[in-house]
Amino acid sequence: MTPHVKQVLLVDDEEKLRQSIARRLKMLGFHTFTAASGMGAIDIAISHPIHLAIVDLKIPDMNGLVTITKLKEIQPELITILLTGHGNAKVRQATESLNSLYFEKEEMPRFWQFIKHVDSGNRSERALNTLPSLAEVERRHIARVLAAANGNKTQTAKILGISRAALWRKLKRMAASPAAPAQNRPSD
């Protein structure tokens, strides 16, 4: 195997979906290992170097978040993605806390767009590490919506689909964040 080919571990208990994604990954130039369970994934990660792991949330024997945690214990530099059809804000937050990417199965075009940027040798690990965090993407989005709503927090919360109190908490966190540029920091 040539050294530039990325090795991907795909973990999903839905066989047809697993096979379909594996075929597409192969067409994109990836060498793909597949597993239907968390333990199967761990066995593969112990015996093969993996660059990227794509893990479903609901899999037999342990959930996807536990699987990602164990995979990162085995291969700390592993890039991980939680791909789920059963996500929510809490799962997204837990995924982010593991320094993992989060995609819903209903947003497969966005998932494939990301995967194409990881293609075999055309994107370095260093470049992947320059991708913005989920928190940074959220901060930018809130700032754009707030600007579009001319600073109206009630309208901004409505557009974002969150309560005004939740928006206020996010704005407070953004103001305290050293990453938030001064011009984008919310004022009281």
N, C-alpha and C. Protein backbone atom coordinates (compact mmCIF):
# COMPACT_ATOMS: atom_id res chain seq x y z
N MET A 1 0.84 -1.18 0.00
CA MET A 1 0.00 0.00 0.00
C MET A 1 0.88 1.24 0.00
N THR A 2 0.56 2.20 -0.81
CA THR A 2 1.34 3.42 -0.86
C THR A 2 1.11 4.24 0.39
N PRO A 3 2.14 4.95 0.89
CA PRO A 3 2.01 5.65 2.15
C PRO A 3 1.00 6.79 2.15
N HIS A 4 0.64 7.34 0.98
CA HIS A 4 -0.27 8.48 0.96
C HIS A 4 -1.74 8.09 1.06
N VAL A 5 -2.07 6.80 0.96
CA VAL A 5 -3.46 6.38 1.02
C VAL A 5 -3.92 6.42 2.48
N LYS A 6 -4.99 7.14 2.72
CA LYS A 6 -5.54 7.25 4.07
C LYS A 6 -6.31 5.97 4.40
N GLN A 7 -6.12 5.50 5.62
CA GLN A 7 -6.84 4.33 6.09
C GLN A 7 -7.98 4.79 7.00
N VAL A 8 -9.18 4.36 6.64
CA VAL A 8 -10.39 4.78 7.34
C VAL A 8 -11.03 3.57 8.01
N LEU A 9 -11.49 3.79 9.22
CA LEU A 9 -12.26 2.78 9.94
C LEU A 9 -13.71 3.25 9.98
N LEU A 10 -14.60 2.46 9.44
CA LEU A 10 -16.02 2.78 9.39
C LEU A 10 -16.77 1.83 10.32
N VAL A 11 -17.48 2.39 11.30
CA VAL A 11 -18.16 1.58 12.31
C VAL A 11 -19.65 1.89 12.28
N ASP A 12 -20.44 0.93 11.81
CA ASP A 12 -21.89 1.09 11.76
C ASP A 12 -22.52 -0.29 11.72
N ASP A 13 -23.58 -0.51 12.48
CA ASP A 13 -24.21 -1.83 12.51
C ASP A 13 -25.19 -2.04 11.37
N GLU A 14 -25.54 -1.00 10.64
CA GLU A 14 -26.44 -1.14 9.49
C GLU A 14 -25.59 -1.57 8.28
N GLU A 15 -25.69 -2.85 7.94
CA GLU A 15 -24.81 -3.43 6.92
C GLU A 15 -24.89 -2.73 5.57
N LYS A 16 -26.09 -2.45 5.09
CA LYS A 16 -26.23 -1.82 3.77
C LYS A 16 -25.60 -0.43 3.76
N LEU A 17 -25.84 0.34 4.80
CA LEU A 17 -25.25 1.68 4.88
C LEU A 17 -23.73 1.58 4.99
N ARG A 18 -23.25 0.66 5.82
CA ARG A 18 -21.80 0.47 5.99
C ARG A 18 -21.15 0.11 4.66
N GLN A 19 -21.75 -0.81 3.92
CA GLN A 19 -21.20 -1.21 2.63
C GLN A 19 -21.24 -0.06 1.62
N SER A 20 -22.33 0.69 1.63
CA SER A 20 -22.48 1.80 0.70
C SER A 20 -21.41 2.88 0.96
N ILE A 21 -21.25 3.26 2.22
CA ILE A 21 -20.24 4.27 2.56
C ILE A 21 -18.84 3.74 2.25
N ALA A 22 -18.58 2.47 2.57
CA ALA A 22 -17.26 1.87 2.31
C ALA A 22 -16.94 1.89 0.81
N ARG A 23 -17.93 1.57 -0.03
CA ARG A 23 -17.70 1.61 -1.48
C ARG A 23 -17.35 3.02 -1.95
N ARG A 24 -18.07 3.99 -1.45
CA ARG A 24 -17.81 5.37 -1.86
C ARG A 24 -16.45 5.84 -1.37
N LEU A 25 -16.08 5.46 -0.15
CA LEU A 25 -14.75 5.81 0.37
C LEU A 25 -13.66 5.20 -0.51
N LYS A 26 -13.87 3.95 -0.92
CA LYS A 26 -12.89 3.29 -1.80
C LYS A 26 -12.78 4.03 -3.12
N MET A 27 -13.92 4.47 -3.67
CA MET A 27 -13.91 5.21 -4.94
C MET A 27 -13.14 6.53 -4.78
N LEU A 28 -13.15 7.08 -3.57
CA LEU A 28 -12.43 8.33 -3.31
C LEU A 28 -10.95 8.09 -3.00
N GLY A 29 -10.53 6.83 -3.00
CA GLY A 29 -9.11 6.53 -2.80
C GLY A 29 -8.71 6.13 -1.39
N PHE A 30 -9.66 5.88 -0.52
CA PHE A 30 -9.35 5.47 0.84
C PHE A 30 -9.27 3.95 0.93
N HIS A 31 -8.43 3.46 1.83
CA HIS A 31 -8.44 2.05 2.18
C HIS A 31 -9.34 1.96 3.41
N THR A 32 -10.42 1.18 3.33
CA THR A 32 -11.43 1.19 4.38
C THR A 32 -11.51 -0.14 5.10
N PHE A 33 -11.46 -0.05 6.43
CA PHE A 33 -11.75 -1.17 7.31
C PHE A 33 -13.16 -0.95 7.83
N THR A 34 -13.94 -2.02 7.99
CA THR A 34 -15.29 -1.85 8.50
C THR A 34 -15.50 -2.72 9.73
N ALA A 35 -16.37 -2.24 10.61
CA ALA A 35 -16.75 -2.99 11.80
C ALA A 35 -18.22 -2.70 12.09
N ALA A 36 -18.89 -3.71 12.65
CA ALA A 36 -20.31 -3.56 12.98
C ALA A 36 -20.53 -3.27 14.46
N SER A 37 -19.44 -3.24 15.24
CA SER A 37 -19.57 -3.03 16.68
C SER A 37 -18.36 -2.27 17.21
N GLY A 38 -18.49 -1.78 18.42
CA GLY A 38 -17.39 -1.07 19.06
C GLY A 38 -16.18 -1.97 19.28
N MET A 39 -16.41 -3.18 19.75
CA MET A 39 -15.28 -4.11 19.98
C MET A 39 -14.60 -4.47 18.67
N GLY A 40 -15.37 -4.65 17.62
CA GLY A 40 -14.78 -4.92 16.30
C GLY A 40 -13.89 -3.78 15.86
N ALA A 41 -14.33 -2.54 16.12
CA ALA A 41 -13.54 -1.36 15.78
C ALA A 41 -12.24 -1.32 16.57
N ILE A 42 -12.33 -1.62 17.85
CA ILE A 42 -11.15 -1.61 18.72
C ILE A 42 -10.14 -2.65 18.25
N ASP A 43 -10.61 -3.84 17.89
CA ASP A 43 -9.71 -4.89 17.38
C ASP A 43 -8.96 -4.41 16.14
N ILE A 44 -9.66 -3.74 15.24
CA ILE A 44 -9.02 -3.22 14.02
C ILE A 44 -8.00 -2.15 14.37
N ALA A 45 -8.36 -1.23 15.26
CA ALA A 45 -7.46 -0.12 15.62
C ALA A 45 -6.20 -0.62 16.33
N ILE A 46 -6.31 -1.72 17.02
CA ILE A 46 -5.13 -2.29 17.70
C ILE A 46 -4.14 -2.83 16.68
N SER A 47 -4.64 -3.39 15.58
CA SER A 47 -3.74 -4.05 14.63
C SER A 47 -3.44 -3.28 13.35
N HIS A 48 -4.06 -2.11 13.15
CA HIS A 48 -3.82 -1.34 11.93
C HIS A 48 -3.74 0.15 12.24
N PRO A 49 -2.82 0.87 11.59
CA PRO A 49 -2.82 2.33 11.75
C PRO A 49 -4.03 2.91 11.01
N ILE A 50 -4.77 3.76 11.67
CA ILE A 50 -5.97 4.36 11.10
C ILE A 50 -5.78 5.88 11.11
N HIS A 51 -6.17 6.54 10.02
CA HIS A 51 -6.09 8.00 9.95
C HIS A 51 -7.40 8.67 10.37
N LEU A 52 -8.51 8.00 10.04
CA LEU A 52 -9.83 8.58 10.26
C LEU A 52 -10.79 7.48 10.68
N ALA A 53 -11.57 7.73 11.73
CA ALA A 53 -12.61 6.78 12.14
C ALA A 53 -13.97 7.46 12.03
N ILE A 54 -14.89 6.80 11.36
CA ILE A 54 -16.26 7.28 11.21
C ILE A 54 -17.13 6.31 12.00
N VAL A 55 -17.77 6.80 13.05
CA VAL A 55 -18.45 5.92 14.00
C VAL A 55 -19.91 6.33 14.17
N ASP A 56 -20.80 5.35 14.08
CA ASP A 56 -22.23 5.57 14.34
C ASP A 56 -22.43 5.67 15.85
N LEU A 57 -23.46 6.37 16.27
CA LEU A 57 -23.74 6.52 17.70
C LEU A 57 -24.28 5.22 18.30
N LYS A 58 -25.28 4.65 17.63
CA LYS A 58 -25.94 3.46 18.18
C LYS A 58 -25.40 2.20 17.50
N ILE A 59 -24.46 1.57 18.19
CA ILE A 59 -23.87 0.32 17.70
C ILE A 59 -23.88 -0.69 18.83
N PRO A 60 -23.82 -1.98 18.48
CA PRO A 60 -23.84 -3.01 19.53
C PRO A 60 -22.64 -2.91 20.46
N ASP A 61 -22.83 -3.30 21.65
CA ASP A 61 -21.87 -3.49 22.74
C ASP A 61 -21.34 -2.23 23.41
N MET A 62 -21.33 -1.09 22.75
CA MET A 62 -20.99 0.19 23.38
C MET A 62 -21.42 1.29 22.42
N ASN A 63 -21.76 2.45 22.94
CA ASN A 63 -22.20 3.49 22.00
C ASN A 63 -21.01 4.13 21.29
N GLY A 64 -21.32 4.92 20.28
CA GLY A 64 -20.27 5.50 19.46
C GLY A 64 -19.33 6.43 20.21
N LEU A 65 -19.84 7.15 21.21
CA LEU A 65 -18.98 8.05 21.98
C LEU A 65 -17.96 7.27 22.79
N VAL A 66 -18.38 6.16 23.38
CA VAL A 66 -17.45 5.30 24.12
C VAL A 66 -16.44 4.70 23.15
N THR A 67 -16.91 4.28 21.99
CA THR A 67 -16.02 3.71 20.98
C THR A 67 -14.96 4.73 20.55
N ILE A 68 -15.37 5.96 20.30
CA ILE A 68 -14.42 7.01 19.92
C ILE A 68 -13.39 7.23 21.03
N THR A 69 -13.84 7.26 22.27
CA THR A 69 -12.92 7.44 23.40
C THR A 69 -11.88 6.33 23.42
N LYS A 70 -12.31 5.09 23.26
CA LYS A 70 -11.38 3.95 23.29
C LYS A 70 -10.44 3.96 22.08
N LEU A 71 -10.97 4.34 20.91
CA LEU A 71 -10.12 4.41 19.71
C LEU A 71 -9.03 5.46 19.90
N LYS A 72 -9.37 6.59 20.50
CA LYS A 72 -8.38 7.65 20.73
C LYS A 72 -7.36 7.25 21.79
N GLU A 73 -7.74 6.37 22.71
CA GLU A 73 -6.77 5.84 23.67
C GLU A 73 -5.73 4.97 22.95
N ILE A 74 -6.18 4.25 21.94
CA ILE A 74 -5.28 3.37 21.18
C ILE A 74 -4.44 4.18 20.20
N GLN A 75 -5.07 5.12 19.50
CA GLN A 75 -4.39 5.96 18.51
C GLN A 75 -4.73 7.43 18.78
N PRO A 76 -3.97 8.10 19.66
CA PRO A 76 -4.31 9.47 20.09
C PRO A 76 -4.42 10.50 18.97
N GLU A 77 -3.73 10.33 17.86
CA GLU A 77 -3.77 11.31 16.77
C GLU A 77 -4.92 11.06 15.80
N LEU A 78 -5.73 10.06 16.08
CA LEU A 78 -6.82 9.66 15.20
C LEU A 78 -7.85 10.78 15.05
N ILE A 79 -8.23 11.07 13.82
CA ILE A 79 -9.31 12.01 13.53
C ILE A 79 -10.60 11.19 13.57
N THR A 80 -11.58 11.67 14.32
CA THR A 80 -12.81 10.91 14.48
C THR A 80 -14.04 11.73 14.10
N ILE A 81 -15.03 11.01 13.58
CA ILE A 81 -16.31 11.60 13.21
C ILE A 81 -17.41 10.75 13.81
N LEU A 82 -18.35 11.38 14.49
CA LEU A 82 -19.56 10.69 14.90
C LEU A 82 -20.59 10.97 13.83
N LEU A 83 -21.08 9.92 13.18
CA LEU A 83 -22.09 10.03 12.13
C LEU A 83 -23.34 9.35 12.65
N THR A 84 -24.39 10.11 12.90
CA THR A 84 -25.55 9.53 13.57
C THR A 84 -26.88 9.95 12.97
N GLY A 85 -27.84 9.11 13.13
CA GLY A 85 -29.21 9.43 12.78
C GLY A 85 -30.02 9.69 14.04
N HIS A 86 -29.35 9.66 15.20
CA HIS A 86 -30.04 9.80 16.49
C HIS A 86 -29.42 10.92 17.31
N GLY A 87 -29.00 11.97 16.67
CA GLY A 87 -28.31 13.03 17.38
C GLY A 87 -29.23 14.07 17.98
N ASN A 88 -28.64 14.86 18.84
CA ASN A 88 -29.31 16.01 19.45
C ASN A 88 -28.21 16.93 19.97
N ALA A 89 -28.61 18.03 20.55
CA ALA A 89 -27.63 19.01 21.02
C ALA A 89 -26.69 18.43 22.07
N LYS A 90 -27.22 17.58 22.93
CA LYS A 90 -26.40 16.97 23.98
C LYS A 90 -25.34 16.03 23.38
N VAL A 91 -25.74 15.24 22.40
CA VAL A 91 -24.80 14.34 21.73
C VAL A 91 -23.74 15.15 20.98
N ARG A 92 -24.17 16.21 20.31
CA ARG A 92 -23.23 17.08 19.59
C ARG A 92 -22.20 17.66 20.57
N GLN A 93 -22.66 18.11 21.72
CA GLN A 93 -21.75 18.69 22.72
C GLN A 93 -20.78 17.63 23.24
N ALA A 94 -21.28 16.44 23.51
CA ALA A 94 -20.41 15.35 23.99
C ALA A 94 -19.38 15.00 22.93
N THR A 95 -19.79 15.00 21.67
CA THR A 95 -18.88 14.70 20.57
C THR A 95 -17.78 15.75 20.49
N GLU A 96 -18.18 17.01 20.59
CA GLU A 96 -17.20 18.10 20.54
C GLU A 96 -16.22 18.00 21.71
N SER A 97 -16.71 17.58 22.88
CA SER A 97 -15.83 17.48 24.05
C SER A 97 -14.77 16.40 23.85
N LEU A 98 -15.02 15.47 22.95
CA LEU A 98 -14.04 14.43 22.61
C LEU A 98 -13.11 14.87 21.48
N ASN A 99 -13.22 16.12 21.07
CA ASN A 99 -12.45 16.66 19.95
C ASN A 99 -12.73 15.83 18.69
N SER A 100 -13.99 15.56 18.49
CA SER A 100 -14.44 14.76 17.36
C SER A 100 -15.42 15.60 16.55
N LEU A 101 -15.53 15.30 15.28
CA LEU A 101 -16.49 15.98 14.41
C LEU A 101 -17.84 15.29 14.49
N TYR A 102 -18.90 16.02 14.20
CA TYR A 102 -20.27 15.52 14.34
C TYR A 102 -21.04 15.77 13.05
N PHE A 103 -21.63 14.71 12.52
CA PHE A 103 -22.49 14.84 11.35
C PHE A 103 -23.73 14.00 11.56
N GLU A 104 -24.87 14.53 11.14
CA GLU A 104 -26.12 13.78 11.16
C GLU A 104 -26.23 13.04 9.83
N LYS A 105 -26.79 11.84 9.85
CA LYS A 105 -26.94 11.06 8.62
C LYS A 105 -27.83 11.78 7.61
N GLU A 106 -28.70 12.66 8.09
CA GLU A 106 -29.55 13.40 7.15
C GLU A 106 -28.80 14.52 6.45
N GLU A 107 -27.57 14.80 6.87
CA GLU A 107 -26.76 15.82 6.21
C GLU A 107 -25.55 15.20 5.50
N MET A 108 -25.81 14.11 4.79
CA MET A 108 -24.73 13.39 4.11
C MET A 108 -23.98 14.24 3.08
N PRO A 109 -24.63 15.15 2.34
CA PRO A 109 -23.85 15.97 1.41
C PRO A 109 -22.73 16.76 2.12
N ARG A 110 -23.04 17.30 3.29
CA ARG A 110 -22.03 18.03 4.07
C ARG A 110 -20.92 17.09 4.55
N PHE A 111 -21.32 15.88 4.96
CA PHE A 111 -20.36 14.86 5.37
C PHE A 111 -19.41 14.53 4.22
N TRP A 112 -19.95 14.27 3.03
CA TRP A 112 -19.12 13.92 1.89
C TRP A 112 -18.23 15.08 1.45
N GLN A 113 -18.72 16.28 1.60
CA GLN A 113 -17.89 17.45 1.28
C GLN A 113 -16.66 17.46 2.18
N PHE A 114 -16.86 17.18 3.47
CA PHE A 114 -15.71 17.12 4.39
C PHE A 114 -14.77 15.99 3.99
N ILE A 115 -15.33 14.81 3.73
CA ILE A 115 -14.51 13.63 3.40
C ILE A 115 -13.66 13.90 2.16
N LYS A 116 -14.20 14.59 1.18
CA LYS A 116 -13.43 14.89 -0.03
C LYS A 116 -12.21 15.75 0.27
N HIS A 117 -12.27 16.54 1.35
CA HIS A 117 -11.13 17.35 1.74
C HIS A 117 -10.06 16.53 2.45
N VAL A 118 -10.41 15.33 2.84
CA VAL A 118 -9.47 14.46 3.54
C VAL A 118 -8.90 13.45 2.55
N ASP A 119 -9.21 13.61 1.28
CA ASP A 119 -8.89 12.58 0.29
C ASP A 119 -7.43 12.16 0.31
N SER A 120 -7.18 11.04 -0.28
CA SER A 120 -5.89 10.36 -0.19
C SER A 120 -4.71 11.21 -0.64
N GLY A 121 -4.13 11.90 0.30
CA GLY A 121 -2.90 12.64 0.05
C GLY A 121 -3.08 14.08 -0.37
N ASN A 122 -4.28 14.53 -0.69
CA ASN A 122 -4.45 15.90 -1.14
C ASN A 122 -4.65 16.89 0.00
N ARG A 123 -4.76 16.39 1.20
CA ARG A 123 -4.94 17.27 2.35
C ARG A 123 -4.13 16.71 3.51
N SER A 124 -3.26 17.49 4.05
CA SER A 124 -2.38 17.00 5.10
C SER A 124 -3.07 17.02 6.45
N GLU A 125 -2.52 16.26 7.39
CA GLU A 125 -3.04 16.25 8.76
C GLU A 125 -3.00 17.68 9.33
N ARG A 126 -1.94 18.41 9.00
CA ARG A 126 -1.79 19.77 9.51
C ARG A 126 -2.94 20.65 9.02
N ALA A 127 -3.33 20.48 7.77
CA ALA A 127 -4.43 21.26 7.23
C ALA A 127 -5.75 20.89 7.92
N LEU A 128 -5.93 19.62 8.23
CA LEU A 128 -7.14 19.21 8.94
C LEU A 128 -7.22 19.89 10.29
N ASN A 129 -6.08 20.05 10.95
CA ASN A 129 -6.06 20.66 12.27
C ASN A 129 -6.37 22.14 12.22
N THR A 130 -6.36 22.75 11.03
CA THR A 130 -6.68 24.18 10.94
C THR A 130 -8.17 24.42 10.72
N LEU A 131 -8.95 23.35 10.60
CA LEU A 131 -10.39 23.52 10.47
C LEU A 131 -10.93 24.16 11.75
N PRO A 132 -11.91 25.03 11.63
CA PRO A 132 -12.44 25.67 12.84
C PRO A 132 -13.17 24.66 13.72
N SER A 133 -13.14 24.89 15.01
CA SER A 133 -13.86 24.03 15.93
C SER A 133 -15.36 24.28 15.77
N LEU A 134 -16.15 23.36 16.29
CA LEU A 134 -17.59 23.53 16.25
C LEU A 134 -17.98 24.79 17.01
N ALA A 135 -17.30 25.06 18.12
CA ALA A 135 -17.59 26.27 18.91
C ALA A 135 -17.31 27.53 18.09
N GLU A 136 -16.23 27.52 17.30
CA GLU A 136 -15.89 28.68 16.47
C GLU A 136 -16.92 28.87 15.35
N VAL A 137 -17.34 27.77 14.73
CA VAL A 137 -18.37 27.85 13.69
C VAL A 137 -19.67 28.39 14.28
N GLU A 138 -20.03 27.91 15.47
CA GLU A 138 -21.24 28.39 16.13
C GLU A 138 -21.11 29.89 16.44
N ARG A 139 -19.95 30.31 16.95
CA ARG A 139 -19.73 31.71 17.29
C ARG A 139 -19.90 32.60 16.06
N ARG A 140 -19.30 32.18 14.95
CA ARG A 140 -19.40 32.96 13.71
C ARG A 140 -20.84 33.04 13.21
N HIS A 141 -21.54 31.90 13.30
CA HIS A 141 -22.92 31.87 12.82
C HIS A 141 -23.81 32.78 13.67
N ILE A 142 -23.67 32.71 14.97
CA ILE A 142 -24.46 33.58 15.85
C ILE A 142 -24.16 35.05 15.55
N ALA A 143 -22.88 35.37 15.36
CA ALA A 143 -22.51 36.76 15.06
C ALA A 143 -23.14 37.22 13.75
N ARG A 144 -23.16 36.35 12.71
CA ARG A 144 -23.77 36.71 11.43
C ARG A 144 -25.27 36.93 11.57
N VAL A 145 -25.94 35.99 12.29
CA VAL A 145 -27.38 36.12 12.45
C VAL A 145 -27.72 37.36 13.28
N LEU A 146 -26.95 37.63 14.32
CA LEU A 146 -27.15 38.81 15.16
C LEU A 146 -26.99 40.09 14.33
N ALA A 147 -25.98 40.10 13.46
CA ALA A 147 -25.77 41.27 12.59
C ALA A 147 -26.93 41.41 11.61
N ALA A 148 -27.39 40.30 11.03
CA ALA A 148 -28.50 40.35 10.08
C ALA A 148 -29.79 40.81 10.75
N ALA A 149 -29.91 40.53 12.05
CA ALA A 149 -31.10 40.95 12.80
C ALA A 149 -30.90 42.33 13.43
N ASN A 150 -29.85 43.03 12.99
CA ASN A 150 -29.55 44.37 13.49
C ASN A 150 -29.44 44.43 15.01
N GLY A 151 -28.85 43.36 15.59
CA GLY A 151 -28.62 43.33 17.03
C GLY A 151 -29.83 42.94 17.85
N ASN A 152 -30.95 42.64 17.22
CA ASN A 152 -32.17 42.26 17.93
C ASN A 152 -32.02 40.82 18.43
N LYS A 153 -31.84 40.66 19.75
CA LYS A 153 -31.58 39.34 20.32
C LYS A 153 -32.81 38.43 20.27
N THR A 154 -34.00 39.00 20.42
CA THR A 154 -35.21 38.19 20.34
C THR A 154 -35.36 37.59 18.95
N GLN A 155 -35.17 38.41 17.93
CA GLN A 155 -35.26 37.94 16.55
C GLN A 155 -34.14 36.94 16.25
N THR A 156 -32.94 37.21 16.75
CA THR A 156 -31.81 36.31 16.55
C THR A 156 -32.11 34.94 17.15
N ALA A 157 -32.62 34.92 18.38
CA ALA A 157 -32.95 33.65 19.04
C ALA A 157 -34.00 32.88 18.23
N LYS A 158 -35.00 33.61 17.72
CA LYS A 158 -36.05 32.98 16.93
C LYS A 158 -35.47 32.36 15.64
N ILE A 159 -34.61 33.10 14.96
CA ILE A 159 -33.99 32.60 13.73
C ILE A 159 -33.14 31.36 14.01
N LEU A 160 -32.41 31.39 15.13
CA LEU A 160 -31.53 30.27 15.49
C LEU A 160 -32.31 29.07 16.05
N GLY A 161 -33.57 29.30 16.42
CA GLY A 161 -34.38 28.21 16.96
C GLY A 161 -34.03 27.87 18.39
N ILE A 162 -33.57 28.86 19.14
CA ILE A 162 -33.23 28.66 20.55
C ILE A 162 -33.94 29.72 21.38
N SER A 163 -33.98 29.50 22.68
CA SER A 163 -34.63 30.49 23.55
C SER A 163 -33.73 31.72 23.68
N ARG A 164 -34.33 32.82 24.08
CA ARG A 164 -33.56 34.05 24.29
C ARG A 164 -32.54 33.83 25.41
N ALA A 165 -32.92 33.08 26.45
CA ALA A 165 -32.01 32.79 27.57
C ALA A 165 -30.80 31.99 27.08
N ALA A 166 -31.04 30.99 26.21
CA ALA A 166 -29.93 30.20 25.66
C ALA A 166 -29.02 31.08 24.82
N LEU A 167 -29.61 31.98 24.04
CA LEU A 167 -28.80 32.90 23.24
C LEU A 167 -27.96 33.78 24.15
N TRP A 168 -28.58 34.29 25.20
CA TRP A 168 -27.86 35.16 26.13
C TRP A 168 -26.65 34.44 26.73
N ARG A 169 -26.84 33.16 27.14
CA ARG A 169 -25.72 32.37 27.70
C ARG A 169 -24.61 32.21 26.66
N LYS A 170 -25.00 31.92 25.43
CA LYS A 170 -24.00 31.76 24.37
C LYS A 170 -23.25 33.07 24.13
N LEU A 171 -23.98 34.17 24.13
CA LEU A 171 -23.34 35.48 23.93
C LEU A 171 -22.38 35.81 25.08
N LYS A 172 -22.76 35.46 26.29
CA LYS A 172 -21.87 35.68 27.43
C LYS A 172 -20.59 34.86 27.29
N ARG A 173 -20.74 33.59 26.86
CA ARG A 173 -19.56 32.73 26.65
C ARG A 173 -18.69 33.30 25.53
N MET A 174 -19.34 33.79 24.48
CA MET A 174 -18.60 34.37 23.35
C MET A 174 -17.81 35.59 23.80
N ALA A 175 -18.41 36.42 24.64
CA ALA A 175 -17.74 37.63 25.11
C ALA A 175 -16.55 37.28 25.98
N ALA A 176 -16.64 36.16 26.70
CA ALA A 176 -15.55 35.75 27.58
C ALA A 176 -14.46 35.01 26.83
N SER A 177 -14.77 34.56 25.62
CA SER A 177 -13.82 33.77 24.84
C SER A 177 -12.72 34.66 24.27
N PRO A 178 -11.44 34.26 24.47
CA PRO A 178 -10.36 35.05 23.89
C PRO A 178 -10.34 34.98 22.37
N ALA A 179 -11.02 33.99 21.79
CA ALA A 179 -11.02 33.84 20.33
C ALA A 179 -11.98 34.82 19.66
N ALA A 180 -12.91 35.36 20.42
CA ALA A 180 -13.91 36.26 19.83
C ALA A 180 -13.29 37.63 19.57
N PRO A 181 -13.26 38.07 18.32
CA PRO A 181 -12.73 39.40 18.03
C PRO A 181 -13.57 40.47 18.72
N ALA A 182 -12.93 41.54 19.13
CA ALA A 182 -13.60 42.59 19.88
C ALA A 182 -14.82 43.14 19.15
N GLN A 183 -14.74 43.31 17.83
CA GLN A 183 -15.87 43.88 17.11
C GLN A 183 -17.06 42.93 17.06
N ASN A 184 -16.85 41.62 17.25
CA ASN A 184 -17.95 40.66 17.22
C ASN A 184 -18.48 40.34 18.60
N ARG A 185 -17.84 40.85 19.64
CA ARG A 185 -18.29 40.55 20.99
C ARG A 185 -19.59 41.30 21.26
N PRO A 186 -20.54 40.59 21.85
CA PRO A 186 -21.81 41.26 22.12
C PRO A 186 -21.67 42.28 23.23
N SER A 187 -22.46 43.33 23.11
CA SER A 187 -22.47 44.33 24.18
C SER A 187 -23.71 44.09 25.03
N ASP A 188 -23.67 44.55 26.26
CA ASP A 188 -24.83 44.38 27.15
C ASP A 188 -25.83 45.39 26.79
